[in-house]
Amino acid sequence: MVRVPLTPEERDRGERLGHLLREVRGERSMVQIAAQAGISVETLRKIESGRIPTPAFFTVVALCRALGLSLDHTADALTPPLEERRLAS
């Protein structure tokens, strides 16, 4: 099966997710958060760096739980402002 290339919007959203996770993680180690989320440190590193811009839903859920971050807040942070969405249309 051929994988469809990601859109610029999907890549941008992945970068915003990575930035949010890094910001909320703060001084906590990647090892600690990855262990709490049940993922590898390398997976967390790739998500935070934007190299995995579309992680699985349950991976995002696990990371949010490990970081004490609500899914609502996460979704809001990843949704571009209305003006940006209008310009993209």
C-alpha atoms as a PDB file:
ATOM      1  CA  MET A   1       0.000   0.000   0.000  1.00  0.00           C
ATOM      2  CA  VAL A   2       1.372   3.392  -0.998  1.00  0.00           C
ATOM      3  CA  ARG A   3       1.503   5.972   1.756  1.00  0.00           C
ATOM      4  CA  VAL A   4       0.069   9.351   0.766  1.00  0.00           C
ATOM      5  CA  PRO A   5       2.476  12.237   1.465  1.00  0.00           C
ATOM      6  CA  LEU A   6       1.547  14.457   4.376  1.00  0.00           C
ATOM      7  CA  THR A   7       0.108  17.868   3.641  1.00  0.00           C
ATOM      8  CA  PRO A   8       1.885  21.012   4.837  1.00  0.00           C
ATOM      9  CA  GLU A   9      -0.931  21.447   7.367  1.00  0.00           C
ATOM     10  CA  GLU A  10      -0.328  17.962   8.792  1.00  0.00           C
ATOM     11  CA  ARG A  11       3.398  18.646   9.080  1.00  0.00           C
ATOM     12  CA  ASP A  12       2.711  21.991  10.765  1.00  0.00           C
ATOM     13  CA  ARG A  13       0.317  20.362  13.224  1.00  0.00           C
ATOM     14  CA  GLY A  14       2.985  17.757  14.025  1.00  0.00           C
ATOM     15  CA  GLU A  15       5.496  20.508  14.746  1.00  0.00           C
ATOM     16  CA  ARG A  16       2.988  22.256  17.033  1.00  0.00           C
ATOM     17  CA  LEU A  17       2.371  18.963  18.865  1.00  0.00           C
ATOM     18  CA  GLY A  18       6.094  18.424  19.372  1.00  0.00           C
ATOM     19  CA  HIS A  19       6.564  21.971  20.653  1.00  0.00           C
ATOM     20  CA  LEU A  20       3.623  21.629  23.052  1.00  0.00           C
ATOM     21  CA  LEU A  21       4.900  18.327  24.446  1.00  0.00           C
ATOM     22  CA  ARG A  22       8.430  19.699  24.945  1.00  0.00           C
ATOM     23  CA  GLU A  23       7.051  22.813  26.625  1.00  0.00           C
ATOM     24  CA  VAL A  24       4.770  20.905  29.010  1.00  0.00           C
ATOM     25  CA  ARG A  25       7.446  18.285  29.766  1.00  0.00           C
ATOM     26  CA  GLY A  26       9.682  21.070  31.023  1.00  0.00           C
ATOM     27  CA  GLU A  27      12.479  19.730  33.216  1.00  0.00           C
ATOM     28  CA  ARG A  28      11.102  16.192  33.351  1.00  0.00           C
ATOM     29  CA  SER A  29      13.275  13.704  31.527  1.00  0.00           C
ATOM     30  CA  MET A  30      12.295  12.055  28.274  1.00  0.00           C
ATOM     31  CA  VAL A  31      13.002   8.692  29.916  1.00  0.00           C
ATOM     32  CA  GLN A  32      10.483   9.384  32.689  1.00  0.00           C
ATOM     33  CA  ILE A  33       7.698  10.593  30.385  1.00  0.00           C
ATOM     34  CA  ALA A  34       8.265   7.863  27.793  1.00  0.00           C
ATOM     35  CA  ALA A  35       8.122   5.188  30.508  1.00  0.00           C
ATOM     36  CA  GLN A  36       4.910   6.642  31.949  1.00  0.00           C
ATOM     37  CA  ALA A  37       3.365   6.766  28.469  1.00  0.00           C
ATOM     38  CA  GLY A  38       4.522   3.253  27.576  1.00  0.00           C
ATOM     39  CA  ILE A  39       6.528   4.334  24.530  1.00  0.00           C
ATOM     40  CA  SER A  40      10.226   4.336  23.711  1.00  0.00           C
ATOM     41  CA  VAL A  41      12.395   7.361  24.329  1.00  0.00           C
ATOM     42  CA  GLU A  42      13.210   7.364  20.610  1.00  0.00           C
ATOM     43  CA  THR A  43       9.495   7.577  19.737  1.00  0.00           C
ATOM     44  CA  LEU A  44       9.040  10.509  22.118  1.00  0.00           C
ATOM     45  CA  ARG A  45      12.129  12.186  20.651  1.00  0.00           C
ATOM     46  CA  LYS A  46      10.749  11.778  17.127  1.00  0.00           C
ATOM     47  CA  ILE A  47       7.333  13.140  18.097  1.00  0.00           C
ATOM     48  CA  GLU A  48       8.854  16.129  19.896  1.00  0.00           C
ATOM     49  CA  SER A  49      11.115  16.892  16.932  1.00  0.00           C
ATOM     50  CA  GLY A  50       8.265  16.609  14.408  1.00  0.00           C
ATOM     51  CA  ARG A  51       9.759  13.549  12.686  1.00  0.00           C
ATOM     52  CA  ILE A  52       6.553  11.664  13.574  1.00  0.00           C
ATOM     53  CA  PRO A  53       4.010  14.387  12.745  1.00  0.00           C
ATOM     54  CA  THR A  54       0.972  12.095  12.930  1.00  0.00           C
ATOM     55  CA  PRO A  55       1.422   9.796  15.936  1.00  0.00           C
ATOM     56  CA  ALA A  56      -1.272   7.251  16.757  1.00  0.00           C
ATOM     57  CA  PHE A  57      -4.221   8.595  18.739  1.00  0.00           C
ATOM     58  CA  PHE A  58      -3.579   6.356  21.736  1.00  0.00           C
ATOM     59  CA  THR A  59       0.073   7.422  21.787  1.00  0.00           C
ATOM     60  CA  VAL A  60      -1.076  11.035  22.072  1.00  0.00           C
ATOM     61  CA  VAL A  61      -3.550  10.041  24.800  1.00  0.00           C
ATOM     62  CA  ALA A  62      -0.812   8.236  26.751  1.00  0.00           C
ATOM     63  CA  LEU A  63       1.531  11.214  26.446  1.00  0.00           C
ATOM     64  CA  CYS A  64      -1.182  13.625  27.564  1.00  0.00           C
ATOM     65  CA  ARG A  65      -1.885  11.469  30.611  1.00  0.00           C
ATOM     66  CA  ALA A  66       1.814  11.226  31.465  1.00  0.00           C
ATOM     67  CA  LEU A  67       2.143  15.010  31.193  1.00  0.00           C
ATOM     68  CA  GLY A  68      -1.130  15.877  32.956  1.00  0.00           C
ATOM     69  CA  LEU A  69      -2.359  17.568  29.804  1.00  0.00           C
ATOM     70  CA  SER A  70      -6.021  17.494  28.805  1.00  0.00           C
ATOM     71  CA  LEU A  71      -6.966  16.312  25.332  1.00  0.00           C
ATOM     72  CA  ASP A  72      -9.169  19.394  24.937  1.00  0.00           C
ATOM     73  CA  HIS A  73      -6.221  21.704  25.598  1.00  0.00           C
ATOM     74  CA  THR A  74      -4.054  19.660  23.248  1.00  0.00           C
ATOM     75  CA  ALA A  75      -6.632  19.781  20.449  1.00  0.00           C
ATOM     76  CA  ASP A  76      -7.062  23.541  20.904  1.00  0.00           C
ATOM     77  CA  ALA A  77      -3.288  24.073  20.790  1.00  0.00           C
ATOM     78  CA  LEU A  78      -3.010  22.074  17.567  1.00  0.00           C
ATOM     79  CA  THR A  79      -5.848  23.838  15.755  1.00  0.00           C
ATOM     80  CA  PRO A  80      -4.602  26.834  13.796  1.00  0.00           C
ATOM     81  CA  PRO A  81      -6.303  30.166  14.433  1.00  0.00           C
ATOM     82  CA  LEU A  82      -9.386  30.822  12.291  1.00  0.00           C
ATOM     83  CA  GLU A  83      -7.550  33.466  10.272  1.00  0.00           C
ATOM     84  CA  GLU A  84      -4.831  30.949   9.304  1.00  0.00           C
ATOM     85  CA  ARG A  85      -7.488  28.442   8.248  1.00  0.00           C
ATOM     86  CA  ARG A  86      -9.177  31.064   6.059  1.00  0.00           C
ATOM     87  CA  LEU A  87      -5.909  31.926   4.328  1.00  0.00           C
ATOM     88  CA  ALA A  88      -5.224  28.244   3.639  1.00  0.00           C
ATOM     89  CA  SER A  89      -8.624  27.798   1.964  1.00  0.00           C
END
